[in-house]
Amino acid sequence: MKKYLALVIVVLIGVATASAQKGEMAVGGNLLYGTEINSVGLGAKFQYGILDHLRGEASFNYYFKNKGFRMWDLNANAHYLFDITEKFRAYPLAGLTVVNKSYADGDDSISRFGLNLGGGCEYNVNENWRVNAEFKYSIVSTIDQAVFSLGAVYKF
């Protein structure tokens, strides 16, 4: 019983001290894998601390051509940050996406709006750099996909 009480206290302290540092900005990049196109890609992102616990993120991801298809997505997500330790944080994410899938020759393409749901974790390497791992599922008519990413951001 004492172990459970200690765990609950640690979790409550972590929730109470979650922080995104209101006004903090960061830019970074990701290495991605998308399941719809079965291809790797690269992404760029901008993060902004909206409230002490809430961060907004805008990102663009480009997936390399595979089996005659190309794909990209543009995202606006919100992260709610939980401090697990002094340097390690976890977050659920939710947001909006626009996805485009096209044949490599550009003759035929589809674009759709959708929702993102997922989560991630990040580690503060030092005062300015963070590394992260993230999973999100993009719910998009006819082109749903899971996206796995590893990345880094520079805070300024």
N, C-alpha and C. Protein backbone atom coordinates (compact mmCIF):
# COMPACT_ATOMS: atom_id res chain seq x y z
N MET A 1 0.82 -1.20 0.00
CA MET A 1 0.00 0.00 0.00
C MET A 1 0.87 1.26 0.00
N LYS A 2 1.96 1.22 0.76
CA LYS A 2 2.85 2.38 0.82
C LYS A 2 3.48 2.66 -0.53
N LYS A 3 3.79 1.60 -1.30
CA LYS A 3 4.37 1.78 -2.62
C LYS A 3 3.40 2.49 -3.56
N TYR A 4 2.11 2.10 -3.49
CA TYR A 4 1.11 2.74 -4.34
C TYR A 4 0.92 4.20 -3.97
N LEU A 5 0.91 4.49 -2.66
CA LEU A 5 0.78 5.88 -2.20
C LEU A 5 1.97 6.71 -2.68
N ALA A 6 3.18 6.15 -2.59
CA ALA A 6 4.36 6.87 -3.06
C ALA A 6 4.29 7.12 -4.56
N LEU A 7 3.81 6.12 -5.31
CA LEU A 7 3.67 6.28 -6.76
C LEU A 7 2.67 7.37 -7.09
N VAL A 8 1.54 7.39 -6.40
CA VAL A 8 0.53 8.43 -6.63
C VAL A 8 1.09 9.80 -6.31
N ILE A 9 1.84 9.94 -5.25
CA ILE A 9 2.45 11.24 -4.89
C ILE A 9 3.43 11.68 -5.97
N VAL A 10 4.26 10.77 -6.46
CA VAL A 10 5.23 11.11 -7.51
C VAL A 10 4.50 11.56 -8.78
N VAL A 11 3.44 10.84 -9.17
CA VAL A 11 2.68 11.21 -10.36
C VAL A 11 2.03 12.57 -10.18
N LEU A 12 1.44 12.82 -9.03
CA LEU A 12 0.80 14.12 -8.79
C LEU A 12 1.81 15.26 -8.81
N ILE A 13 2.99 15.04 -8.25
CA ILE A 13 4.03 16.07 -8.31
C ILE A 13 4.45 16.31 -9.75
N GLY A 14 4.58 15.23 -10.55
CA GLY A 14 4.92 15.38 -11.96
C GLY A 14 3.88 16.17 -12.71
N VAL A 15 2.59 15.89 -12.48
CA VAL A 15 1.52 16.62 -13.15
C VAL A 15 1.51 18.08 -12.71
N ALA A 16 1.72 18.31 -11.45
CA ALA A 16 1.70 19.68 -10.93
C ALA A 16 2.86 20.51 -11.45
N THR A 17 3.98 19.84 -11.78
CA THR A 17 5.14 20.60 -12.24
C THR A 17 5.35 20.53 -13.75
N ALA A 18 4.40 19.98 -14.48
CA ALA A 18 4.54 19.93 -15.94
C ALA A 18 4.72 21.34 -16.47
N SER A 19 5.63 21.48 -17.45
CA SER A 19 5.88 22.83 -17.94
C SER A 19 6.30 22.83 -19.39
N ALA A 20 5.83 23.82 -20.12
CA ALA A 20 6.26 24.06 -21.48
C ALA A 20 6.93 25.41 -21.56
N GLN A 21 7.03 26.10 -20.43
CA GLN A 21 7.58 27.44 -20.39
C GLN A 21 6.86 28.35 -21.37
N LYS A 22 5.82 28.98 -20.89
CA LYS A 22 5.02 29.89 -21.71
C LYS A 22 5.93 30.85 -22.49
N GLY A 23 5.70 30.93 -23.80
CA GLY A 23 6.48 31.81 -24.66
C GLY A 23 7.74 31.19 -25.23
N GLU A 24 8.12 29.99 -24.76
CA GLU A 24 9.32 29.32 -25.27
C GLU A 24 9.11 28.91 -26.73
N MET A 25 10.11 29.09 -27.56
CA MET A 25 10.05 28.71 -28.96
C MET A 25 11.18 27.74 -29.28
N ALA A 26 10.91 26.84 -30.25
CA ALA A 26 11.92 25.88 -30.67
C ALA A 26 11.68 25.50 -32.12
N VAL A 27 12.76 25.17 -32.81
CA VAL A 27 12.68 24.67 -34.19
C VAL A 27 13.46 23.36 -34.26
N GLY A 28 13.03 22.47 -35.17
CA GLY A 28 13.73 21.21 -35.25
C GLY A 28 13.36 20.39 -36.45
N GLY A 29 13.86 19.18 -36.46
CA GLY A 29 13.60 18.27 -37.56
C GLY A 29 13.36 16.86 -37.07
N ASN A 30 12.79 16.02 -37.96
CA ASN A 30 12.46 14.64 -37.64
C ASN A 30 12.87 13.71 -38.77
N LEU A 31 13.18 12.49 -38.40
CA LEU A 31 13.28 11.38 -39.33
C LEU A 31 12.00 10.57 -39.10
N LEU A 32 11.25 10.26 -40.18
CA LEU A 32 9.91 9.70 -40.07
C LEU A 32 9.77 8.36 -40.79
N TYR A 33 8.73 7.64 -40.41
CA TYR A 33 8.28 6.49 -41.18
C TYR A 33 6.76 6.52 -41.20
N GLY A 34 6.16 6.52 -42.40
CA GLY A 34 4.71 6.52 -42.57
C GLY A 34 4.23 5.19 -43.08
N THR A 35 3.19 4.64 -42.44
CA THR A 35 2.71 3.30 -42.80
C THR A 35 1.86 3.27 -44.07
N GLU A 36 1.19 4.36 -44.43
CA GLU A 36 0.35 4.37 -45.65
C GLU A 36 1.22 4.27 -46.89
N ILE A 37 2.31 5.01 -46.90
CA ILE A 37 3.20 5.01 -48.06
C ILE A 37 4.34 4.01 -47.90
N ASN A 38 4.50 3.45 -46.68
CA ASN A 38 5.59 2.51 -46.38
C ASN A 38 6.94 3.08 -46.79
N SER A 39 7.19 4.29 -46.32
CA SER A 39 8.42 4.98 -46.70
C SER A 39 8.92 5.86 -45.56
N VAL A 40 10.21 6.13 -45.60
CA VAL A 40 10.80 7.08 -44.66
C VAL A 40 10.62 8.49 -45.20
N GLY A 41 10.81 9.47 -44.31
CA GLY A 41 10.71 10.86 -44.73
C GLY A 41 11.43 11.76 -43.77
N LEU A 42 11.37 13.05 -44.09
CA LEU A 42 11.97 14.08 -43.26
C LEU A 42 10.91 15.09 -42.89
N GLY A 43 11.04 15.68 -41.71
CA GLY A 43 10.08 16.67 -41.27
C GLY A 43 10.76 17.87 -40.64
N ALA A 44 10.06 19.00 -40.66
CA ALA A 44 10.52 20.22 -40.00
C ALA A 44 9.39 20.69 -39.10
N LYS A 45 9.75 21.28 -37.93
CA LYS A 45 8.71 21.69 -36.99
C LYS A 45 9.10 22.96 -36.25
N PHE A 46 8.04 23.66 -35.81
CA PHE A 46 8.18 24.85 -34.96
C PHE A 46 7.28 24.64 -33.76
N GLN A 47 7.82 24.87 -32.56
CA GLN A 47 7.06 24.71 -31.33
C GLN A 47 6.98 26.03 -30.58
N TYR A 48 5.82 26.25 -29.93
CA TYR A 48 5.62 27.47 -29.15
C TYR A 48 4.88 27.13 -27.86
N GLY A 49 5.41 27.55 -26.72
CA GLY A 49 4.77 27.33 -25.43
C GLY A 49 3.60 28.29 -25.25
N ILE A 50 2.37 27.77 -25.35
CA ILE A 50 1.17 28.59 -25.25
C ILE A 50 0.86 28.91 -23.80
N LEU A 51 0.85 27.89 -22.97
CA LEU A 51 0.66 28.02 -21.52
C LEU A 51 1.77 27.21 -20.85
N ASP A 52 1.83 27.25 -19.53
CA ASP A 52 2.89 26.53 -18.85
C ASP A 52 2.84 25.02 -19.09
N HIS A 53 1.67 24.45 -19.37
CA HIS A 53 1.55 23.01 -19.60
C HIS A 53 1.24 22.66 -21.05
N LEU A 54 1.01 23.65 -21.88
CA LEU A 54 0.50 23.41 -23.22
C LEU A 54 1.43 24.01 -24.28
N ARG A 55 1.77 23.19 -25.28
CA ARG A 55 2.65 23.64 -26.35
C ARG A 55 1.95 23.39 -27.69
N GLY A 56 2.06 24.34 -28.60
CA GLY A 56 1.57 24.17 -29.96
C GLY A 56 2.74 23.81 -30.86
N GLU A 57 2.44 23.03 -31.90
CA GLU A 57 3.48 22.65 -32.85
C GLU A 57 2.92 22.67 -34.26
N ALA A 58 3.63 23.33 -35.16
CA ALA A 58 3.32 23.30 -36.59
C ALA A 58 4.44 22.50 -37.24
N SER A 59 4.05 21.58 -38.15
CA SER A 59 5.08 20.75 -38.79
C SER A 59 4.72 20.43 -40.23
N PHE A 60 5.76 20.18 -41.01
CA PHE A 60 5.62 19.73 -42.40
C PHE A 60 6.46 18.48 -42.56
N ASN A 61 5.87 17.42 -43.10
CA ASN A 61 6.57 16.15 -43.30
C ASN A 61 6.51 15.76 -44.77
N TYR A 62 7.63 15.30 -45.30
CA TYR A 62 7.72 14.83 -46.68
C TYR A 62 8.22 13.39 -46.66
N TYR A 63 7.47 12.49 -47.30
CA TYR A 63 7.83 11.08 -47.37
C TYR A 63 8.40 10.78 -48.75
N PHE A 64 9.50 10.06 -48.80
CA PHE A 64 10.16 9.77 -50.06
C PHE A 64 9.34 8.80 -50.91
N LYS A 65 9.52 8.92 -52.22
CA LYS A 65 8.77 8.13 -53.19
C LYS A 65 8.94 6.64 -52.92
N ASN A 66 7.81 5.94 -53.00
CA ASN A 66 7.82 4.48 -52.86
C ASN A 66 6.71 3.91 -53.72
N LYS A 67 7.05 2.94 -54.57
CA LYS A 67 6.09 2.26 -55.45
C LYS A 67 5.27 3.25 -56.27
N GLY A 68 5.93 4.29 -56.76
CA GLY A 68 5.27 5.26 -57.63
C GLY A 68 4.48 6.34 -56.92
N PHE A 69 4.50 6.39 -55.59
CA PHE A 69 3.75 7.40 -54.83
C PHE A 69 4.67 8.32 -54.05
N ARG A 70 4.20 9.55 -53.87
CA ARG A 70 4.82 10.52 -52.97
C ARG A 70 3.75 10.97 -52.00
N MET A 71 4.18 11.47 -50.84
CA MET A 71 3.21 11.90 -49.85
C MET A 71 3.82 13.00 -48.98
N TRP A 72 2.98 13.94 -48.56
CA TRP A 72 3.38 14.95 -47.59
C TRP A 72 2.21 15.25 -46.68
N ASP A 73 2.50 15.81 -45.50
CA ASP A 73 1.44 16.26 -44.61
C ASP A 73 1.86 17.53 -43.89
N LEU A 74 0.88 18.36 -43.61
CA LEU A 74 1.03 19.61 -42.88
C LEU A 74 0.19 19.48 -41.62
N ASN A 75 0.77 19.77 -40.45
CA ASN A 75 0.11 19.48 -39.17
C ASN A 75 0.11 20.69 -38.23
N ALA A 76 -0.94 20.79 -37.44
CA ALA A 76 -1.03 21.74 -36.32
C ALA A 76 -1.48 20.92 -35.12
N ASN A 77 -0.55 20.66 -34.19
CA ASN A 77 -0.83 19.81 -33.04
C ASN A 77 -0.63 20.55 -31.73
N ALA A 78 -1.29 20.06 -30.69
CA ALA A 78 -1.11 20.55 -29.33
C ALA A 78 -0.53 19.42 -28.49
N HIS A 79 0.43 19.75 -27.63
CA HIS A 79 1.05 18.78 -26.72
C HIS A 79 0.77 19.24 -25.29
N TYR A 80 0.33 18.33 -24.43
CA TYR A 80 0.20 18.63 -23.00
C TYR A 80 1.34 17.91 -22.30
N LEU A 81 2.26 18.67 -21.71
CA LEU A 81 3.53 18.13 -21.20
C LEU A 81 3.45 17.70 -19.74
N PHE A 82 4.02 16.53 -19.46
CA PHE A 82 4.14 16.00 -18.11
C PHE A 82 5.61 15.77 -17.81
N ASP A 83 6.14 16.38 -16.75
CA ASP A 83 7.51 16.14 -16.34
C ASP A 83 7.57 14.80 -15.63
N ILE A 84 8.35 13.87 -16.16
CA ILE A 84 8.55 12.57 -15.53
C ILE A 84 9.76 12.66 -14.59
N THR A 85 10.83 13.25 -15.10
CA THR A 85 12.01 13.58 -14.29
C THR A 85 12.38 15.01 -14.65
N GLU A 86 13.49 15.48 -14.13
CA GLU A 86 13.93 16.84 -14.42
C GLU A 86 14.24 17.03 -15.91
N LYS A 87 14.72 15.99 -16.58
CA LYS A 87 15.10 16.11 -17.98
C LYS A 87 14.18 15.36 -18.95
N PHE A 88 13.28 14.54 -18.46
CA PHE A 88 12.46 13.68 -19.32
C PHE A 88 10.99 14.05 -19.19
N ARG A 89 10.31 14.25 -20.35
CA ARG A 89 8.89 14.59 -20.36
C ARG A 89 8.15 13.68 -21.33
N ALA A 90 6.86 13.50 -21.06
CA ALA A 90 5.97 12.76 -21.95
C ALA A 90 4.78 13.65 -22.27
N TYR A 91 4.14 13.39 -23.41
CA TYR A 91 3.00 14.21 -23.79
C TYR A 91 2.03 13.44 -24.70
N PRO A 92 0.74 13.63 -24.47
CA PRO A 92 -0.23 13.23 -25.49
C PRO A 92 -0.31 14.35 -26.51
N LEU A 93 -0.76 14.03 -27.72
CA LEU A 93 -0.93 15.07 -28.73
C LEU A 93 -2.25 14.90 -29.46
N ALA A 94 -2.79 16.01 -29.91
CA ALA A 94 -4.00 16.02 -30.73
C ALA A 94 -3.89 17.21 -31.67
N GLY A 95 -4.45 17.07 -32.86
CA GLY A 95 -4.38 18.20 -33.78
C GLY A 95 -5.04 17.91 -35.11
N LEU A 96 -4.75 18.80 -36.06
CA LEU A 96 -5.32 18.75 -37.40
C LEU A 96 -4.21 18.49 -38.42
N THR A 97 -4.59 17.88 -39.53
CA THR A 97 -3.62 17.60 -40.59
C THR A 97 -4.24 17.80 -41.96
N VAL A 98 -3.39 18.11 -42.92
CA VAL A 98 -3.74 18.07 -44.34
C VAL A 98 -2.73 17.13 -44.97
N VAL A 99 -3.22 16.11 -45.68
CA VAL A 99 -2.37 15.09 -46.27
C VAL A 99 -2.55 15.10 -47.79
N ASN A 100 -1.44 14.96 -48.52
CA ASN A 100 -1.48 14.87 -49.97
C ASN A 100 -0.72 13.62 -50.38
N LYS A 101 -1.38 12.80 -51.22
CA LYS A 101 -0.74 11.60 -51.77
C LYS A 101 -0.86 11.70 -53.28
N SER A 102 0.26 11.52 -53.99
CA SER A 102 0.22 11.65 -55.44
C SER A 102 1.11 10.61 -56.10
N TYR A 103 0.78 10.33 -57.37
CA TYR A 103 1.67 9.51 -58.17
C TYR A 103 2.92 10.31 -58.41
N ALA A 104 4.05 9.65 -58.53
CA ALA A 104 5.34 10.33 -58.69
C ALA A 104 5.37 11.21 -59.93
N ASP A 105 4.60 10.87 -60.98
CA ASP A 105 4.61 11.70 -62.18
C ASP A 105 3.72 12.94 -62.03
N GLY A 106 2.97 13.04 -60.93
CA GLY A 106 2.16 14.22 -60.65
C GLY A 106 0.83 14.28 -61.36
N ASP A 107 0.48 13.25 -62.13
CA ASP A 107 -0.77 13.27 -62.89
C ASP A 107 -2.02 13.15 -62.01
N ASP A 108 -1.93 12.41 -60.94
CA ASP A 108 -3.10 12.16 -60.11
C ASP A 108 -2.72 12.34 -58.64
N SER A 109 -3.50 13.12 -57.90
CA SER A 109 -3.23 13.30 -56.48
C SER A 109 -4.53 13.51 -55.73
N ILE A 110 -4.48 13.21 -54.43
CA ILE A 110 -5.61 13.49 -53.55
C ILE A 110 -5.10 14.23 -52.33
N SER A 111 -5.89 15.16 -51.85
CA SER A 111 -5.58 15.89 -50.62
C SER A 111 -6.80 15.78 -49.71
N ARG A 112 -6.56 15.56 -48.43
CA ARG A 112 -7.63 15.39 -47.46
C ARG A 112 -7.26 16.05 -46.14
N PHE A 113 -8.28 16.54 -45.42
CA PHE A 113 -8.13 17.04 -44.07
C PHE A 113 -8.40 15.90 -43.10
N GLY A 114 -7.78 15.96 -41.92
CA GLY A 114 -8.00 14.92 -40.93
C GLY A 114 -7.56 15.33 -39.54
N LEU A 115 -7.53 14.35 -38.66
CA LEU A 115 -7.16 14.54 -37.25
C LEU A 115 -5.92 13.74 -36.92
N ASN A 116 -5.12 14.26 -35.99
CA ASN A 116 -3.97 13.54 -35.46
C ASN A 116 -4.21 13.22 -33.99
N LEU A 117 -3.88 12.01 -33.59
CA LEU A 117 -3.91 11.59 -32.19
C LEU A 117 -2.65 10.80 -31.93
N GLY A 118 -2.03 10.99 -30.77
CA GLY A 118 -0.82 10.24 -30.48
C GLY A 118 -0.16 10.70 -29.20
N GLY A 119 1.15 10.51 -29.16
CA GLY A 119 1.91 10.90 -27.99
C GLY A 119 3.39 10.79 -28.26
N GLY A 120 4.15 11.30 -27.32
CA GLY A 120 5.59 11.25 -27.47
C GLY A 120 6.30 11.46 -26.16
N CYS A 121 7.61 11.42 -26.24
CA CYS A 121 8.45 11.71 -25.08
C CYS A 121 9.68 12.47 -25.57
N GLU A 122 10.27 13.23 -24.66
CA GLU A 122 11.45 14.01 -25.03
C GLU A 122 12.43 14.05 -23.87
N TYR A 123 13.69 14.25 -24.23
CA TYR A 123 14.77 14.31 -23.25
C TYR A 123 15.55 15.59 -23.49
N ASN A 124 15.72 16.38 -22.43
CA ASN A 124 16.52 17.61 -22.50
C ASN A 124 17.99 17.26 -22.41
N VAL A 125 18.69 17.36 -23.53
CA VAL A 125 20.11 17.05 -23.57
C VAL A 125 20.89 18.11 -22.80
N ASN A 126 20.53 19.37 -23.03
CA ASN A 126 21.11 20.49 -22.30
C ASN A 126 20.09 21.63 -22.30
N GLU A 127 20.52 22.83 -21.99
CA GLU A 127 19.60 23.97 -21.88
C GLU A 127 18.91 24.30 -23.20
N ASN A 128 19.55 24.04 -24.33
CA ASN A 128 19.01 24.43 -25.62
C ASN A 128 18.52 23.27 -26.51
N TRP A 129 18.97 22.07 -26.27
CA TRP A 129 18.66 20.96 -27.18
C TRP A 129 17.80 19.89 -26.51
N ARG A 130 16.81 19.39 -27.27
CA ARG A 130 15.96 18.27 -26.85
C ARG A 130 15.92 17.24 -27.97
N VAL A 131 15.87 15.97 -27.60
CA VAL A 131 15.63 14.90 -28.57
C VAL A 131 14.28 14.27 -28.22
N ASN A 132 13.60 13.74 -29.24
CA ASN A 132 12.27 13.19 -28.96
C ASN A 132 11.96 11.97 -29.83
N ALA A 133 10.99 11.20 -29.36
CA ALA A 133 10.39 10.10 -30.11
C ALA A 133 8.89 10.31 -30.04
N GLU A 134 8.21 10.05 -31.16
CA GLU A 134 6.79 10.35 -31.20
C GLU A 134 6.06 9.34 -32.08
N PHE A 135 4.81 9.06 -31.70
CA PHE A 135 3.91 8.25 -32.51
C PHE A 135 2.61 9.04 -32.67
N LYS A 136 2.11 9.09 -33.89
CA LYS A 136 0.79 9.69 -34.10
C LYS A 136 0.05 8.88 -35.15
N TYR A 137 -1.26 8.91 -35.04
CA TYR A 137 -2.10 8.28 -36.04
C TYR A 137 -2.90 9.38 -36.70
N SER A 138 -2.78 9.51 -37.99
CA SER A 138 -3.52 10.51 -38.75
C SER A 138 -4.79 9.86 -39.29
N ILE A 139 -5.92 10.35 -38.82
CA ILE A 139 -7.22 9.82 -39.24
C ILE A 139 -7.68 10.68 -40.41
N VAL A 140 -7.53 10.15 -41.62
CA VAL A 140 -7.79 10.88 -42.85
C VAL A 140 -8.54 9.96 -43.80
N SER A 141 -9.64 10.41 -44.35
CA SER A 141 -10.44 9.60 -45.25
C SER A 141 -9.59 8.99 -46.37
N THR A 142 -9.59 7.71 -46.49
CA THR A 142 -8.91 6.88 -47.49
C THR A 142 -7.38 6.86 -47.40
N ILE A 143 -6.77 7.72 -46.60
CA ILE A 143 -5.30 7.70 -46.50
C ILE A 143 -4.84 7.81 -45.04
N ASP A 144 -5.51 7.09 -44.12
CA ASP A 144 -5.06 7.02 -42.72
C ASP A 144 -3.64 6.47 -42.69
N GLN A 145 -2.88 6.92 -41.70
CA GLN A 145 -1.57 6.31 -41.53
C GLN A 145 -1.03 6.55 -40.14
N ALA A 146 -0.21 5.62 -39.69
CA ALA A 146 0.55 5.78 -38.46
C ALA A 146 1.90 6.37 -38.84
N VAL A 147 2.39 7.30 -38.03
CA VAL A 147 3.68 7.93 -38.28
C VAL A 147 4.55 7.79 -37.04
N PHE A 148 5.73 7.21 -37.22
CA PHE A 148 6.72 7.08 -36.16
C PHE A 148 7.84 8.06 -36.47
N SER A 149 8.32 8.80 -35.46
CA SER A 149 9.37 9.77 -35.73
C SER A 149 10.38 9.85 -34.59
N LEU A 150 11.60 10.20 -34.96
CA LEU A 150 12.68 10.54 -34.04
C LEU A 150 13.18 11.91 -34.46
N GLY A 151 13.42 12.78 -33.48
CA GLY A 151 13.82 14.12 -33.87
C GLY A 151 14.60 14.86 -32.80
N ALA A 152 14.92 16.10 -33.14
CA ALA A 152 15.64 16.99 -32.23
C ALA A 152 15.12 18.40 -32.47
N VAL A 153 15.13 19.22 -31.39
CA VAL A 153 14.75 20.62 -31.52
C VAL A 153 15.77 21.49 -30.78
N TYR A 154 15.89 22.71 -31.26
CA TYR A 154 16.74 23.72 -30.63
C TYR A 154 15.83 24.78 -30.04
N LYS A 155 15.92 25.01 -28.73
CA LYS A 155 15.12 26.02 -28.03
C LYS A 155 15.85 27.37 -28.07
N PHE A 156 15.07 28.42 -28.30
CA PHE A 156 15.66 29.76 -28.23
C PHE A 156 14.73 30.71 -27.53
